[in-house]
């Protein structure tokens, strides 16, 4: 469990975390509890997960609702996932490079689906608001980062690289959602193989594990 209480100083003595760091640490620590219980999570459960007293929670957040809101904001925030995709080694061959990116996308989808499903059970009105699409689709910085990984091989695809990204996003969404995938989520290898190879057998039966 990540401590939300203290950070070491140069002298070796512990000091309290700055407010924003403490807030972020609490959100990360309580995420599994919210994923399991949604709005039914008790403040005692949240405090235990964060490794702090209940009173400490309410010195950082005004109430439990604010904690739940912060967890949702953390899960849907694209920035950490953009950074994760950008950290993929761009010198890797296409297949392992794309496999690493897909694994990151699926981790995000897993968190989003789990939180949304639990909030839907415990706060249906709020879940309906979260599911409401924006008036017009906006930019997707995570997929933009994935496209950057694909662009060096753009001339090897039979469709524009943005279409490859769109196909990939659709497949990651459907292949990760437990209901859409019939409780058999696709692995990163499954998704990458389907994107790059399709489903027809190759005449030469070539093994592409290293490309």
C-alpha atoms as a PDB file:
ATOM      1  CA  UNK A   1       0.000   0.000   0.000  1.00  0.00           C
ATOM      2  CA  UNK A   2       1.323   3.456  -0.876  1.00  0.00           C
ATOM      3  CA  UNK A   3       1.681   5.634   2.197  1.00  0.00           C
ATOM      4  CA  UNK A   4      -0.432   8.777   2.130  1.00  0.00           C
ATOM      5  CA  UNK A   5       0.979  10.146   5.344  1.00  0.00           C
ATOM      6  CA  UNK A   6       4.598  11.104   5.201  1.00  0.00           C
ATOM      7  CA  UNK A   7       7.465  11.752   2.816  1.00  0.00           C
ATOM      8  CA  UNK A   8      11.168  11.556   3.766  1.00  0.00           C
ATOM      9  CA  UNK A   9      13.252  14.714   4.037  1.00  0.00           C
ATOM     10  CA  UNK A  10      16.970  15.150   3.401  1.00  0.00           C
ATOM     11  CA  UNK A  11      17.577  14.858   7.138  1.00  0.00           C
ATOM     12  CA  UNK A  12      15.790  11.507   7.232  1.00  0.00           C
ATOM     13  CA  UNK A  13      12.883  12.887   9.237  1.00  0.00           C
ATOM     14  CA  UNK A  14       9.399  12.374   7.899  1.00  0.00           C
ATOM     15  CA  UNK A  15       7.231  15.276   6.823  1.00  0.00           C
ATOM     16  CA  UNK A  16       3.579  15.448   5.745  1.00  0.00           C
ATOM     17  CA  UNK A  17       2.901  15.173   2.045  1.00  0.00           C
ATOM     18  CA  UNK A  18       1.907  18.410   0.302  1.00  0.00           C
ATOM     19  CA  UNK A  19      -1.903  18.672  -0.057  1.00  0.00           C
ATOM     20  CA  UNK A  20      -2.063  17.811  -3.776  1.00  0.00           C
ATOM     21  CA  UNK A  21       0.282  14.845  -3.370  1.00  0.00           C
ATOM     22  CA  UNK A  22      -1.714  13.579  -0.404  1.00  0.00           C
ATOM     23  CA  UNK A  23      -4.957  13.956  -2.338  1.00  0.00           C
ATOM     24  CA  UNK A  24      -3.536  12.040  -5.315  1.00  0.00           C
ATOM     25  CA  UNK A  25      -2.119   9.319  -3.058  1.00  0.00           C
ATOM     26  CA  UNK A  26      -5.483   8.842  -1.333  1.00  0.00           C
ATOM     27  CA  UNK A  27      -7.297   8.618  -4.667  1.00  0.00           C
ATOM     28  CA  UNK A  28      -4.911   5.935  -5.941  1.00  0.00           C
ATOM     29  CA  UNK A  29      -5.155   4.001  -2.700  1.00  0.00           C
ATOM     30  CA  UNK A  30      -8.946   3.960  -2.474  1.00  0.00           C
ATOM     31  CA  UNK A  31      -9.581   3.188  -6.155  1.00  0.00           C
ATOM     32  CA  UNK A  32      -9.812  -0.606  -5.569  1.00  0.00           C
ATOM     33  CA  UNK A  33     -12.406  -0.028  -2.832  1.00  0.00           C
ATOM     34  CA  UNK A  34     -14.543   2.203  -5.060  1.00  0.00           C
ATOM     35  CA  UNK A  35     -14.170  -0.316  -7.876  1.00  0.00           C
ATOM     36  CA  UNK A  36     -15.546  -3.027  -5.575  1.00  0.00           C
ATOM     37  CA  UNK A  37     -18.219  -1.137  -3.640  1.00  0.00           C
ATOM     38  CA  UNK A  38     -18.952   2.051  -5.601  1.00  0.00           C
ATOM     39  CA  UNK A  39     -20.821   4.686  -3.608  1.00  0.00           C
ATOM     40  CA  UNK A  40     -21.594   2.047  -0.968  1.00  0.00           C
ATOM     41  CA  UNK A  41     -17.982   2.118   0.218  1.00  0.00           C
ATOM     42  CA  UNK A  42     -17.834   3.290   3.819  1.00  0.00           C
ATOM     43  CA  UNK A  43     -15.511   5.996   5.048  1.00  0.00           C
ATOM     44  CA  UNK A  44     -13.918   3.381   7.292  1.00  0.00           C
ATOM     45  CA  UNK A  45     -13.112   1.208   4.263  1.00  0.00           C
ATOM     46  CA  UNK A  46     -11.745   4.195   2.368  1.00  0.00           C
ATOM     47  CA  UNK A  47      -9.614   5.327   5.298  1.00  0.00           C
ATOM     48  CA  UNK A  48      -8.257   1.815   5.837  1.00  0.00           C
ATOM     49  CA  UNK A  49      -7.304   1.540   2.170  1.00  0.00           C
ATOM     50  CA  UNK A  50      -5.575   4.916   2.314  1.00  0.00           C
ATOM     51  CA  UNK A  51      -3.782   4.063   5.550  1.00  0.00           C
ATOM     52  CA  UNK A  52      -5.114   7.140   7.345  1.00  0.00           C
ATOM     53  CA  UNK A  53      -7.683   7.995   9.993  1.00  0.00           C
ATOM     54  CA  UNK A  54     -11.200   8.844   8.849  1.00  0.00           C
ATOM     55  CA  UNK A  55     -10.730  12.380  10.118  1.00  0.00           C
ATOM     56  CA  UNK A  56      -7.706  12.767   7.850  1.00  0.00           C
ATOM     57  CA  UNK A  57      -9.827  11.947   4.823  1.00  0.00           C
ATOM     58  CA  UNK A  58     -12.113  14.854   5.609  1.00  0.00           C
ATOM     59  CA  UNK A  59      -9.227  17.262   6.020  1.00  0.00           C
ATOM     60  CA  UNK A  60      -8.397  16.495   2.382  1.00  0.00           C
ATOM     61  CA  UNK A  61     -11.914  15.993   0.966  1.00  0.00           C
ATOM     62  CA  UNK A  62     -15.100  17.703   2.180  1.00  0.00           C
ATOM     63  CA  UNK A  63     -17.146  14.475   2.141  1.00  0.00           C
ATOM     64  CA  UNK A  64     -17.332  10.935   0.771  1.00  0.00           C
ATOM     65  CA  UNK A  65     -19.019  12.130  -2.413  1.00  0.00           C
ATOM     66  CA  UNK A  66     -15.956  14.258  -3.163  1.00  0.00           C
ATOM     67  CA  UNK A  67     -13.720  11.201  -2.761  1.00  0.00           C
ATOM     68  CA  UNK A  68     -15.856   9.186  -5.184  1.00  0.00           C
ATOM     69  CA  UNK A  69     -15.797  12.094  -7.652  1.00  0.00           C
ATOM     70  CA  UNK A  70     -12.014  12.355  -7.398  1.00  0.00           C
ATOM     71  CA  UNK A  71     -11.641   8.635  -8.096  1.00  0.00           C
ATOM     72  CA  UNK A  72     -13.843   8.914 -11.211  1.00  0.00           C
ATOM     73  CA  UNK A  73     -11.870  11.930 -12.413  1.00  0.00           C
ATOM     74  CA  UNK A  74      -8.638  10.007 -11.881  1.00  0.00           C
ATOM     75  CA  UNK A  75      -9.864   7.011 -13.864  1.00  0.00           C
ATOM     76  CA  UNK A  76     -11.096   9.023 -16.853  1.00  0.00           C
ATOM     77  CA  UNK A  77      -8.135  11.432 -16.880  1.00  0.00           C
ATOM     78  CA  UNK A  78      -6.237  10.638 -20.105  1.00  0.00           C
ATOM     79  CA  UNK A  79      -2.922  12.242 -19.148  1.00  0.00           C
ATOM     80  CA  UNK A  80      -1.317   9.317 -17.248  1.00  0.00           C
ATOM     81  CA  UNK A  81      -2.312   6.938 -20.045  1.00  0.00           C
ATOM     82  CA  UNK A  82      -0.914   9.269 -22.710  1.00  0.00           C
ATOM     83  CA  UNK A  83       2.366   9.287 -20.800  1.00  0.00           C
ATOM     84  CA  UNK A  84       2.278   5.494 -20.560  1.00  0.00           C
ATOM     85  CA  UNK A  85       1.759   5.051 -24.311  1.00  0.00           C
ATOM     86  CA  UNK A  86       4.514   7.564 -25.055  1.00  0.00           C
ATOM     87  CA  UNK A  87       6.857   5.569 -22.833  1.00  0.00           C
ATOM     88  CA  UNK A  88       6.585   2.528 -25.144  1.00  0.00           C
ATOM     89  CA  UNK A  89       9.925   1.910 -26.834  1.00  0.00           C
ATOM     90  CA  UNK A  90       9.483   3.295 -30.358  1.00  0.00           C
ATOM     91  CA  UNK A  91      12.471   1.238 -31.575  1.00  0.00           C
ATOM     92  CA  UNK A  92      10.651  -2.053 -30.988  1.00  0.00           C
ATOM     93  CA  UNK A  93       9.334  -3.913 -34.037  1.00  0.00           C
ATOM     94  CA  UNK A  94       5.752  -3.059 -34.879  1.00  0.00           C
ATOM     95  CA  UNK A  95       4.070  -6.084 -33.303  1.00  0.00           C
ATOM     96  CA  UNK A  96       5.585  -5.867 -29.783  1.00  0.00           C
ATOM     97  CA  UNK A  97       5.342  -2.065 -29.931  1.00  0.00           C
ATOM     98  CA  UNK A  98       1.631  -2.232 -30.664  1.00  0.00           C
ATOM     99  CA  UNK A  99       1.128  -5.049 -28.154  1.00  0.00           C
ATOM    100  CA  UNK A 100       2.576  -2.854 -25.386  1.00  0.00           C
ATOM    101  CA  UNK A 101       0.261   0.018 -26.343  1.00  0.00           C
ATOM    102  CA  UNK A 102      -2.797  -2.250 -26.452  1.00  0.00           C
ATOM    103  CA  UNK A 103      -2.000  -3.605 -22.980  1.00  0.00           C
ATOM    104  CA  UNK A 104      -2.024  -0.007 -21.696  1.00  0.00           C
ATOM    105  CA  UNK A 105      -5.330   0.748 -23.435  1.00  0.00           C
ATOM    106  CA  UNK A 106      -6.881  -2.397 -21.970  1.00  0.00           C
ATOM    107  CA  UNK A 107      -5.700  -1.537 -18.462  1.00  0.00           C
ATOM    108  CA  UNK A 108      -7.463   1.806 -18.773  1.00  0.00           C
ATOM    109  CA  UNK A 109     -10.628   0.262 -20.182  1.00  0.00           C
ATOM    110  CA  UNK A 110     -10.689  -2.300 -17.365  1.00  0.00           C
ATOM    111  CA  UNK A 111     -10.570   0.455 -14.732  1.00  0.00           C
ATOM    112  CA  UNK A 112     -13.169   2.599 -16.526  1.00  0.00           C
ATOM    113  CA  UNK A 113     -15.589  -0.292 -17.048  1.00  0.00           C
ATOM    114  CA  UNK A 114     -15.256  -1.521 -13.465  1.00  0.00           C
ATOM    115  CA  UNK A 115     -15.824   1.913 -11.950  1.00  0.00           C
ATOM    116  CA  UNK A 116     -18.717   2.712 -14.281  1.00  0.00           C
ATOM    117  CA  UNK A 117     -20.448  -0.609 -13.623  1.00  0.00           C
ATOM    118  CA  UNK A 118     -20.176  -0.216  -9.860  1.00  0.00           C
ATOM    119  CA  UNK A 119     -21.274   3.430  -9.901  1.00  0.00           C
ATOM    120  CA  UNK A 120     -24.169   2.317 -12.122  1.00  0.00           C
ATOM    121  CA  UNK A 121     -25.292  -0.108  -9.428  1.00  0.00           C
ATOM    122  CA  UNK A 122     -24.906   2.295  -6.529  1.00  0.00           C
ATOM    123  CA  UNK A 123     -25.607   5.692  -8.163  1.00  0.00           C
ATOM    124  CA  UNK A 124     -27.646   5.060 -11.334  1.00  0.00           C
ATOM    125  CA  UNK A 125     -28.497   8.730 -11.903  1.00  0.00           C
ATOM    126  CA  UNK A 126     -24.864   9.710 -11.762  1.00  0.00           C
ATOM    127  CA  UNK A 127     -23.835   6.843 -14.021  1.00  0.00           C
ATOM    128  CA  UNK A 128     -26.350   8.001 -16.630  1.00  0.00           C
ATOM    129  CA  UNK A 129     -24.734  11.453 -16.617  1.00  0.00           C
ATOM    130  CA  UNK A 130     -21.256   9.959 -16.990  1.00  0.00           C
ATOM    131  CA  UNK A 131     -22.364   7.839 -19.941  1.00  0.00           C
ATOM    132  CA  UNK A 132     -23.904  10.798 -21.744  1.00  0.00           C
ATOM    133  CA  UNK A 133     -21.689  11.519 -24.789  1.00  0.00           C
ATOM    134  CA  UNK A 134     -20.383  15.030 -25.444  1.00  0.00           C
ATOM    135  CA  UNK A 135     -22.279  17.079 -28.061  1.00  0.00           C
ATOM    136  CA  UNK A 136     -19.467  16.447 -30.554  1.00  0.00           C
ATOM    137  CA  UNK A 137     -16.642  13.909 -30.289  1.00  0.00           C
ATOM    138  CA  UNK A 138     -13.502  15.612 -29.107  1.00  0.00           C
ATOM    139  CA  UNK A 139      -9.840  14.773 -29.671  1.00  0.00           C
ATOM    140  CA  UNK A 140      -8.530  11.569 -28.140  1.00  0.00           C
ATOM    141  CA  UNK A 141      -5.014  12.262 -26.855  1.00  0.00           C
ATOM    142  CA  UNK A 142      -4.453   8.612 -25.953  1.00  0.00           C
ATOM    143  CA  UNK A 143      -5.180   7.428 -29.487  1.00  0.00           C
ATOM    144  CA  UNK A 144      -3.088  10.291 -30.845  1.00  0.00           C
ATOM    145  CA  UNK A 145      -0.173   8.821 -28.888  1.00  0.00           C
ATOM    146  CA  UNK A 146      -0.930   5.365 -30.308  1.00  0.00           C
ATOM    147  CA  UNK A 147      -1.009   6.774 -33.844  1.00  0.00           C
ATOM    148  CA  UNK A 148       2.469   8.180 -33.305  1.00  0.00           C
ATOM    149  CA  UNK A 149       3.634   4.621 -32.648  1.00  0.00           C
ATOM    150  CA  UNK A 150       1.981   3.471 -35.897  1.00  0.00           C
ATOM    151  CA  UNK A 151       3.072   6.264 -38.243  1.00  0.00           C
ATOM    152  CA  UNK A 152       6.565   4.865 -38.996  1.00  0.00           C
ATOM    153  CA  UNK A 153       4.821   1.858 -40.608  1.00  0.00           C
ATOM    154  CA  UNK A 154       2.041   3.859 -42.258  1.00  0.00           C
ATOM    155  CA  UNK A 155       3.053   2.753 -45.739  1.00  0.00           C
ATOM    156  CA  UNK A 156       2.662  -0.921 -44.805  1.00  0.00           C
ATOM    157  CA  UNK A 157      -1.074  -0.605 -44.096  1.00  0.00           C
ATOM    158  CA  UNK A 158      -3.683  -0.893 -46.843  1.00  0.00           C
ATOM    159  CA  UNK A 159      -5.759   1.852 -45.167  1.00  0.00           C
ATOM    160  CA  UNK A 160      -4.803   5.218 -43.712  1.00  0.00           C
ATOM    161  CA  UNK A 161      -3.081   4.996 -40.344  1.00  0.00           C
ATOM    162  CA  UNK A 162      -5.943   6.911 -38.709  1.00  0.00           C
ATOM    163  CA  UNK A 163      -8.298   4.154 -39.844  1.00  0.00           C
ATOM    164  CA  UNK A 164      -5.990   1.580 -38.283  1.00  0.00           C
ATOM    165  CA  UNK A 165      -6.233   3.554 -35.058  1.00  0.00           C
ATOM    166  CA  UNK A 166     -10.019   3.655 -35.294  1.00  0.00           C
ATOM    167  CA  UNK A 167     -10.217  -0.106 -35.872  1.00  0.00           C
ATOM    168  CA  UNK A 168      -7.870  -0.627 -32.943  1.00  0.00           C
ATOM    169  CA  UNK A 169      -9.934   1.551 -30.606  1.00  0.00           C
ATOM    170  CA  UNK A 170     -13.131  -0.286 -31.531  1.00  0.00           C
ATOM    171  CA  UNK A 171     -11.516  -3.666 -31.022  1.00  0.00           C
ATOM    172  CA  UNK A 172      -9.933  -2.704 -27.686  1.00  0.00           C
ATOM    173  CA  UNK A 173     -13.285  -1.434 -26.414  1.00  0.00           C
ATOM    174  CA  UNK A 174     -15.295  -4.458 -27.526  1.00  0.00           C
ATOM    175  CA  UNK A 175     -12.589  -6.982 -26.725  1.00  0.00           C
ATOM    176  CA  UNK A 176     -12.070  -5.665 -23.195  1.00  0.00           C
ATOM    177  CA  UNK A 177     -15.703  -5.213 -22.129  1.00  0.00           C
ATOM    178  CA  UNK A 178     -16.714  -8.394 -20.310  1.00  0.00           C
ATOM    179  CA  UNK A 179     -20.279  -8.354 -21.622  1.00  0.00           C
ATOM    180  CA  UNK A 180     -19.503  -7.486 -25.226  1.00  0.00           C
ATOM    181  CA  UNK A 181     -16.762 -10.134 -25.256  1.00  0.00           C
ATOM    182  CA  UNK A 182     -19.061 -12.781 -23.707  1.00  0.00           C
ATOM    183  CA  UNK A 183     -16.895 -12.825 -20.577  1.00  0.00           C
ATOM    184  CA  UNK A 184     -13.901 -13.846 -22.687  1.00  0.00           C
ATOM    185  CA  UNK A 185     -11.858 -10.648 -22.994  1.00  0.00           C
ATOM    186  CA  UNK A 186      -9.301 -10.618 -25.770  1.00  0.00           C
ATOM    187  CA  UNK A 187      -5.620 -10.546 -24.889  1.00  0.00           C
ATOM    188  CA  UNK A 188      -3.275  -7.874 -26.304  1.00  0.00           C
ATOM    189  CA  UNK A 189      -1.840 -10.573 -28.589  1.00  0.00           C
ATOM    190  CA  UNK A 190      -5.331 -11.440 -29.883  1.00  0.00           C
ATOM    191  CA  UNK A 191      -6.108  -7.807 -30.650  1.00  0.00           C
ATOM    192  CA  UNK A 192      -2.778  -7.065 -32.312  1.00  0.00           C
ATOM    193  CA  UNK A 193      -2.889 -10.238 -34.393  1.00  0.00           C
ATOM    194  CA  UNK A 194      -6.405  -9.439 -35.585  1.00  0.00           C
ATOM    195  CA  UNK A 195      -5.465  -5.857 -36.464  1.00  0.00           C
ATOM    196  CA  UNK A 196      -2.264  -6.779 -38.291  1.00  0.00           C
ATOM    197  CA  UNK A 197      -3.178 -10.156 -39.795  1.00  0.00           C
ATOM    198  CA  UNK A 198      -6.960 -10.475 -39.937  1.00  0.00           C
ATOM    199  CA  UNK A 199      -8.459 -13.940 -39.511  1.00  0.00           C
ATOM    200  CA  UNK A 200      -7.537 -15.682 -42.763  1.00  0.00           C
ATOM    201  CA  UNK A 201      -4.680 -18.179 -42.836  1.00  0.00           C
ATOM    202  CA  UNK A 202      -1.602 -17.067 -44.711  1.00  0.00           C
ATOM    203  CA  UNK A 203      -0.537 -19.347 -47.553  1.00  0.00           C
ATOM    204  CA  UNK A 204       3.028 -19.527 -46.277  1.00  0.00           C
ATOM    205  CA  UNK A 205       1.879 -20.156 -42.672  1.00  0.00           C
ATOM    206  CA  UNK A 206       4.531 -17.704 -41.546  1.00  0.00           C
ATOM    207  CA  UNK A 207       5.085 -17.155 -37.834  1.00  0.00           C
ATOM    208  CA  UNK A 208       5.087 -13.386 -37.223  1.00  0.00           C
ATOM    209  CA  UNK A 209       5.948 -13.401 -33.533  1.00  0.00           C
ATOM    210  CA  UNK A 210       9.078 -11.321 -34.064  1.00  0.00           C
ATOM    211  CA  UNK A 211       7.882  -8.756 -36.630  1.00  0.00           C
END
